[in-house]
Amino acid sequence: MENRIRVLVAKPGLDGHDRGAKVIARALRDAGMEVIYTGLRQTPEMIVNAALQEDVQVIGLSILSGAHNAIVPRVMELLRQHDMTGVRVIVGGIIPDPDAQRLKQMGVAAVFQPGASLQEIVDFIRGAPVAA
């Protein structure tokens, strides 16, 4: 059996709108990836703990609340603390271009803004180096 890419999809913060995250999770699953969806209102600690327990290669964060500048740095810090720097983090949502650049500078692999296609996201994950 081939090793499938394992992706954790999470909705951090107080944002209660998860339809987009569910659409992404389904597209990744349909593309042959193993997807773990954590549900709504996840803290950075809950997300990183789930990623550790599930041994994922990719974490996808869906953030529409505008809290990306607080949540993503904490997730990245926790990944470093747990020696999980090989886990790729991608972020999707309403994220202004200057903020997207800052997130990438702190180690986020990609930021997908409104209008990104599902195929673009699938292709990026397939092409991104994954943790061993």
C-alpha atoms as a PDB file:
ATOM      1  CA  MET A   1       0.000   0.000   0.000  1.00  0.00           C
ATOM      2  CA  GLU A   2       1.392   3.384  -0.949  1.00  0.00           C
ATOM      3  CA  ASN A   3       1.878   6.063   1.678  1.00  0.00           C
ATOM      4  CA  ARG A   4      -0.890   8.602   1.356  1.00  0.00           C
ATOM      5  CA  ILE A   5      -0.393  12.230   2.284  1.00  0.00           C
ATOM      6  CA  ARG A   6      -1.993  12.872   5.666  1.00  0.00           C
ATOM      7  CA  VAL A   7      -3.544  16.318   6.046  1.00  0.00           C
ATOM      8  CA  LEU A   8      -5.089  17.857   9.150  1.00  0.00           C
ATOM      9  CA  VAL A   9      -7.711  20.502   8.313  1.00  0.00           C
ATOM     10  CA  ALA A  10      -8.586  22.817  11.194  1.00  0.00           C
ATOM     11  CA  LYS A  11     -10.815  25.819  11.908  1.00  0.00           C
ATOM     12  CA  PRO A  12      -8.974  27.793  14.595  1.00  0.00           C
ATOM     13  CA  GLY A  13     -10.461  30.571  16.670  1.00  0.00           C
ATOM     14  CA  LEU A  14     -14.033  31.632  17.109  1.00  0.00           C
ATOM     15  CA  ASP A  15     -15.007  31.657  13.440  1.00  0.00           C
ATOM     16  CA  GLY A  16     -18.112  29.465  13.153  1.00  0.00           C
ATOM     17  CA  HIS A  17     -18.228  29.192   9.355  1.00  0.00           C
ATOM     18  CA  ASP A  18     -16.737  25.881   8.243  1.00  0.00           C
ATOM     19  CA  ARG A  19     -18.322  25.142   4.885  1.00  0.00           C
ATOM     20  CA  GLY A  20     -15.136  26.064   3.010  1.00  0.00           C
ATOM     21  CA  ALA A  21     -12.998  23.870   5.274  1.00  0.00           C
ATOM     22  CA  LYS A  22     -15.337  20.948   4.638  1.00  0.00           C
ATOM     23  CA  VAL A  23     -15.204  21.525   0.872  1.00  0.00           C
ATOM     24  CA  ILE A  24     -11.393  21.552   1.008  1.00  0.00           C
ATOM     25  CA  ALA A  25     -11.327  18.425   3.183  1.00  0.00           C
ATOM     26  CA  ARG A  26     -13.539  16.589   0.724  1.00  0.00           C
ATOM     27  CA  ALA A  27     -11.487  17.697  -2.286  1.00  0.00           C
ATOM     28  CA  LEU A  28      -8.293  16.479  -0.619  1.00  0.00           C
ATOM     29  CA  ARG A  29      -9.925  13.173   0.266  1.00  0.00           C
ATOM     30  CA  ASP A  30     -11.244  12.778  -3.281  1.00  0.00           C
ATOM     31  CA  ALA A  31      -7.686  13.417  -4.503  1.00  0.00           C
ATOM     32  CA  GLY A  32      -6.517  10.385  -2.510  1.00  0.00           C
ATOM     33  CA  MET A  33      -5.216  12.072   0.614  1.00  0.00           C
ATOM     34  CA  GLU A  34      -6.031  10.990   4.124  1.00  0.00           C
ATOM     35  CA  VAL A  35      -7.814  13.906   5.796  1.00  0.00           C
ATOM     36  CA  ILE A  36      -8.429  14.534   9.475  1.00  0.00           C
ATOM     37  CA  TYR A  37     -10.915  17.368  10.081  1.00  0.00           C
ATOM     38  CA  THR A  38     -10.788  18.701  13.630  1.00  0.00           C
ATOM     39  CA  GLY A  39     -13.943  20.796  13.534  1.00  0.00           C
ATOM     40  CA  LEU A  40     -14.704  24.295  14.750  1.00  0.00           C
ATOM     41  CA  ARG A  41     -13.173  26.466  17.448  1.00  0.00           C
ATOM     42  CA  GLN A  42      -9.781  24.806  17.705  1.00  0.00           C
ATOM     43  CA  THR A  43      -6.955  26.387  19.675  1.00  0.00           C
ATOM     44  CA  PRO A  44      -3.401  26.314  18.320  1.00  0.00           C
ATOM     45  CA  GLU A  45      -2.565  23.827  21.076  1.00  0.00           C
ATOM     46  CA  MET A  46      -5.411  21.517  20.051  1.00  0.00           C
ATOM     47  CA  ILE A  47      -4.352  21.713  16.397  1.00  0.00           C
ATOM     48  CA  VAL A  48      -0.693  20.905  17.026  1.00  0.00           C
ATOM     49  CA  ASN A  49      -1.573  18.098  19.458  1.00  0.00           C
ATOM     50  CA  ALA A  50      -3.909  16.559  16.875  1.00  0.00           C
ATOM     51  CA  ALA A  51      -1.210  16.888  14.191  1.00  0.00           C
ATOM     52  CA  LEU A  52       1.266  15.145  16.478  1.00  0.00           C
ATOM     53  CA  GLN A  53      -1.148  12.330  17.368  1.00  0.00           C
ATOM     54  CA  GLU A  54      -2.248  11.817  13.759  1.00  0.00           C
ATOM     55  CA  ASP A  55       1.302  12.001  12.344  1.00  0.00           C
ATOM     56  CA  VAL A  56       0.313  14.369   9.540  1.00  0.00           C
ATOM     57  CA  GLN A  57       2.567  15.880   6.909  1.00  0.00           C
ATOM     58  CA  VAL A  58       0.384  18.938   6.258  1.00  0.00           C
ATOM     59  CA  ILE A  59      -1.757  21.217   8.417  1.00  0.00           C
ATOM     60  CA  GLY A  60      -4.389  23.288   6.629  1.00  0.00           C
ATOM     61  CA  LEU A  61      -5.806  26.195   8.593  1.00  0.00           C
ATOM     62  CA  SER A  62      -9.029  27.839   7.436  1.00  0.00           C
ATOM     63  CA  ILE A  63      -9.325  31.315   8.926  1.00  0.00           C
ATOM     64  CA  LEU A  64     -12.037  33.790   7.962  1.00  0.00           C
ATOM     65  CA  SER A  65     -12.173  35.744  11.220  1.00  0.00           C
ATOM     66  CA  GLY A  66      -9.127  37.943  10.672  1.00  0.00           C
ATOM     67  CA  ALA A  67      -7.283  36.311  13.578  1.00  0.00           C
ATOM     68  CA  HIS A  68      -4.549  34.832  11.374  1.00  0.00           C
ATOM     69  CA  ASN A  69      -1.883  37.204  12.746  1.00  0.00           C
ATOM     70  CA  ALA A  70      -2.462  35.830  16.253  1.00  0.00           C
ATOM     71  CA  ILE A  71      -3.244  32.181  15.530  1.00  0.00           C
ATOM     72  CA  VAL A  72      -0.693  31.228  12.869  1.00  0.00           C
ATOM     73  CA  PRO A  73       2.406  32.477  14.752  1.00  0.00           C
ATOM     74  CA  ARG A  74       1.319  30.425  17.771  1.00  0.00           C
ATOM     75  CA  VAL A  75       0.823  27.294  15.645  1.00  0.00           C
ATOM     76  CA  MET A  76       4.272  27.778  14.095  1.00  0.00           C
ATOM     77  CA  GLU A  77       5.824  28.273  17.546  1.00  0.00           C
ATOM     78  CA  LEU A  78       4.196  25.113  18.900  1.00  0.00           C
ATOM     79  CA  LEU A  79       5.369  23.110  15.890  1.00  0.00           C
ATOM     80  CA  ARG A  80       8.942  24.244  16.595  1.00  0.00           C
ATOM     81  CA  GLN A  81       8.570  23.364  20.289  1.00  0.00           C
ATOM     82  CA  HIS A  82       7.428  19.840  19.360  1.00  0.00           C
ATOM     83  CA  ASP A  83      10.221  19.433  16.775  1.00  0.00           C
ATOM     84  CA  MET A  84       7.624  19.236  13.996  1.00  0.00           C
ATOM     85  CA  THR A  85       9.217  21.735  11.626  1.00  0.00           C
ATOM     86  CA  GLY A  86       8.869  19.254   8.736  1.00  0.00           C
ATOM     87  CA  VAL A  87       5.085  19.577   8.867  1.00  0.00           C
ATOM     88  CA  ARG A  88       3.928  21.959   6.134  1.00  0.00           C
ATOM     89  CA  VAL A  89       1.391  24.585   7.137  1.00  0.00           C
ATOM     90  CA  ILE A  90      -0.977  26.076   4.591  1.00  0.00           C
ATOM     91  CA  VAL A  91      -3.507  28.771   5.362  1.00  0.00           C
ATOM     92  CA  GLY A  92      -6.694  29.654   3.550  1.00  0.00           C
ATOM     93  CA  GLY A  93      -9.150  32.459   4.055  1.00  0.00           C
ATOM     94  CA  ILE A  94      -9.577  36.182   3.886  1.00  0.00           C
ATOM     95  CA  ILE A  95      -5.964  37.252   4.299  1.00  0.00           C
ATOM     96  CA  PRO A  96      -4.648  40.547   2.930  1.00  0.00           C
ATOM     97  CA  ASP A  97      -1.547  40.317   0.711  1.00  0.00           C
ATOM     98  CA  PRO A  98       0.821  42.005   3.224  1.00  0.00           C
ATOM     99  CA  ASP A  99      -0.305  39.572   5.938  1.00  0.00           C
ATOM    100  CA  ALA A 100       0.109  36.628   3.548  1.00  0.00           C
ATOM    101  CA  GLN A 101       3.713  37.685   2.929  1.00  0.00           C
ATOM    102  CA  ARG A 102       4.385  37.898   6.690  1.00  0.00           C
ATOM    103  CA  LEU A 103       2.896  34.432   7.226  1.00  0.00           C
ATOM    104  CA  LYS A 104       5.157  33.014   4.518  1.00  0.00           C
ATOM    105  CA  GLN A 105       8.179  34.706   6.104  1.00  0.00           C
ATOM    106  CA  MET A 106       7.427  32.904   9.370  1.00  0.00           C
ATOM    107  CA  GLY A 107       7.369  29.535   7.629  1.00  0.00           C
ATOM    108  CA  VAL A 108       3.868  29.048   6.204  1.00  0.00           C
ATOM    109  CA  ALA A 109       4.242  27.045   2.982  1.00  0.00           C
ATOM    110  CA  ALA A 110       1.339  28.706   1.140  1.00  0.00           C
ATOM    111  CA  VAL A 111      -1.575  31.071   1.623  1.00  0.00           C
ATOM    112  CA  PHE A 112      -4.694  30.464  -0.454  1.00  0.00           C
ATOM    113  CA  GLN A 113      -6.956  33.476  -0.737  1.00  0.00           C
ATOM    114  CA  PRO A 114     -10.493  33.695  -2.129  1.00  0.00           C
ATOM    115  CA  GLY A 115     -10.570  32.506  -5.709  1.00  0.00           C
ATOM    116  CA  ALA A 116      -7.976  29.759  -5.294  1.00  0.00           C
ATOM    117  CA  SER A 117      -9.147  26.610  -7.028  1.00  0.00           C
ATOM    118  CA  LEU A 118      -9.445  23.261  -5.308  1.00  0.00           C
ATOM    119  CA  GLN A 119      -7.108  21.789  -7.914  1.00  0.00           C
ATOM    120  CA  GLU A 120      -4.496  24.460  -7.145  1.00  0.00           C
ATOM    121  CA  ILE A 121      -4.578  23.460  -3.476  1.00  0.00           C
ATOM    122  CA  VAL A 122      -4.410  19.733  -4.245  1.00  0.00           C
ATOM    123  CA  ASP A 123      -1.530  20.267  -6.669  1.00  0.00           C
ATOM    124  CA  PHE A 124       0.389  22.385  -4.178  1.00  0.00           C
ATOM    125  CA  ILE A 125       0.077  19.773  -1.439  1.00  0.00           C
ATOM    126  CA  ARG A 126       1.138  16.991  -3.780  1.00  0.00           C
ATOM    127  CA  GLY A 127       4.158  18.982  -4.930  1.00  0.00           C
ATOM    128  CA  ALA A 128       5.217  20.311  -1.544  1.00  0.00           C
ATOM    129  CA  PRO A 129       7.980  18.413   0.230  1.00  0.00           C
ATOM    130  CA  VAL A 130       6.454  16.475   3.105  1.00  0.00           C
ATOM    131  CA  ALA A 131       7.837  15.376   6.459  1.00  0.00           C
ATOM    132  CA  ALA A 132       9.508  11.962   6.539  1.00  0.00           C
END
